[in-house]
């Protein structure tokens, strides 16, 4: 991890076209501005984690549904034999 010290008004450049600006520093936190191309997704970490959790829940539900369909198909197949 790279750790930098910046003052209000200073920037950090990431890659060719992403800039992070320090807008304000106060006791309650640091306000930053991020300049990046539209195709670059920028999320707060806690929002990203929540999205990941919701995606995993949805995937588990989908797998459960698939398992139910397979079980139903097998039970119908067994009845025919």
Protein backbone atom coordinates (compact mmCIF):
# COMPACT_ATOMS: atom_id res chain seq x y z
CA UNK A 1 0.00 0.00 0.00
CA UNK A 2 1.25 3.43 -0.92
CA UNK A 3 0.64 6.02 1.81
CA UNK A 4 0.84 9.70 0.87
CA UNK A 5 0.39 12.95 2.73
CA UNK A 6 -1.55 15.62 0.83
CA UNK A 7 -2.85 19.06 1.72
CA UNK A 8 -6.10 20.72 0.69
CA UNK A 9 -5.99 21.54 -3.01
CA UNK A 10 -3.36 18.94 -3.86
CA UNK A 11 -3.97 16.01 -6.21
CA UNK A 12 -2.89 12.42 -6.76
CA UNK A 13 -2.72 10.95 -10.26
CA UNK A 14 -3.59 7.28 -10.81
CA UNK A 15 -2.71 5.83 -14.20
CA UNK A 16 -3.15 8.05 -17.23
CA UNK A 17 -6.51 9.66 -16.54
CA UNK A 18 -7.64 9.40 -12.91
CA UNK A 19 -7.09 12.26 -10.46
CA UNK A 20 -7.93 12.37 -6.78
CA UNK A 21 -8.16 15.87 -5.29
CA UNK A 22 -8.17 16.75 -1.61
CA UNK A 23 -11.01 19.24 -1.28
CA UNK A 24 -11.31 19.73 2.46
CA UNK A 25 -9.83 18.35 5.66
CA UNK A 26 -11.80 18.62 8.91
CA UNK A 27 -12.10 16.82 12.23
CA UNK A 28 -14.99 14.73 10.88
CA UNK A 29 -13.22 13.55 7.74
CA UNK A 30 -11.58 14.29 4.44
CA UNK A 31 -13.57 15.37 1.37
CA UNK A 32 -12.08 14.14 -1.86
CA UNK A 33 -12.97 14.65 -5.50
CA UNK A 34 -12.30 12.02 -8.15
CA UNK A 35 -11.90 12.80 -11.85
CA UNK A 36 -12.11 9.68 -14.00
CA UNK A 37 -13.53 8.54 -17.33
CA UNK A 38 -17.23 7.62 -17.26
CA UNK A 39 -16.46 3.96 -17.90
CA UNK A 40 -14.51 3.74 -14.63
CA UNK A 41 -16.73 2.58 -11.76
CA UNK A 42 -16.15 4.47 -8.51
CA UNK A 43 -17.87 3.14 -5.37
CA UNK A 44 -17.41 3.59 -1.66
CA UNK A 45 -16.01 0.34 -0.29
CA UNK A 46 -19.03 -0.34 1.94
CA UNK A 47 -21.36 0.06 -1.07
CA UNK A 48 -19.18 -2.31 -3.13
CA UNK A 49 -19.29 -4.90 -0.32
CA UNK A 50 -23.09 -4.63 -0.10
CA UNK A 51 -23.43 -5.15 -3.85
CA UNK A 52 -21.20 -8.23 -3.62
CA UNK A 53 -23.29 -9.65 -0.75
CA UNK A 54 -26.54 -9.08 -2.67
CA UNK A 55 -25.07 -10.72 -5.79
CA UNK A 56 -24.01 -13.76 -3.75
CA UNK A 57 -27.50 -14.04 -2.22
CA UNK A 58 -29.08 -13.86 -5.67
CA UNK A 59 -26.69 -16.50 -7.00
CA UNK A 60 -27.51 -18.84 -4.10
CA UNK A 61 -31.24 -18.40 -4.75
CA UNK A 62 -30.72 -19.12 -8.44
CA UNK A 63 -28.77 -22.29 -7.63
CA UNK A 64 -31.47 -23.38 -5.20
CA UNK A 65 -34.07 -22.86 -7.93
CA UNK A 66 -32.00 -24.88 -10.38
CA UNK A 67 -31.65 -27.67 -7.83
CA UNK A 68 -35.44 -27.72 -7.40
CA UNK A 69 -35.96 -27.99 -11.16
CA UNK A 70 -33.44 -30.83 -11.40
CA UNK A 71 -35.14 -32.67 -8.52
CA UNK A 72 -38.54 -32.24 -10.17
CA UNK A 73 -37.19 -33.47 -13.51
CA UNK A 74 -35.60 -36.52 -11.85
CA UNK A 75 -38.77 -37.39 -9.97
CA UNK A 76 -40.84 -37.24 -13.19
CA UNK A 77 -38.21 -39.29 -15.01
CA UNK A 78 -38.27 -41.94 -12.25
CA UNK A 79 -42.07 -42.18 -12.47
CA UNK A 80 -41.92 -42.88 -16.22
CA UNK A 81 -39.49 -45.77 -15.78
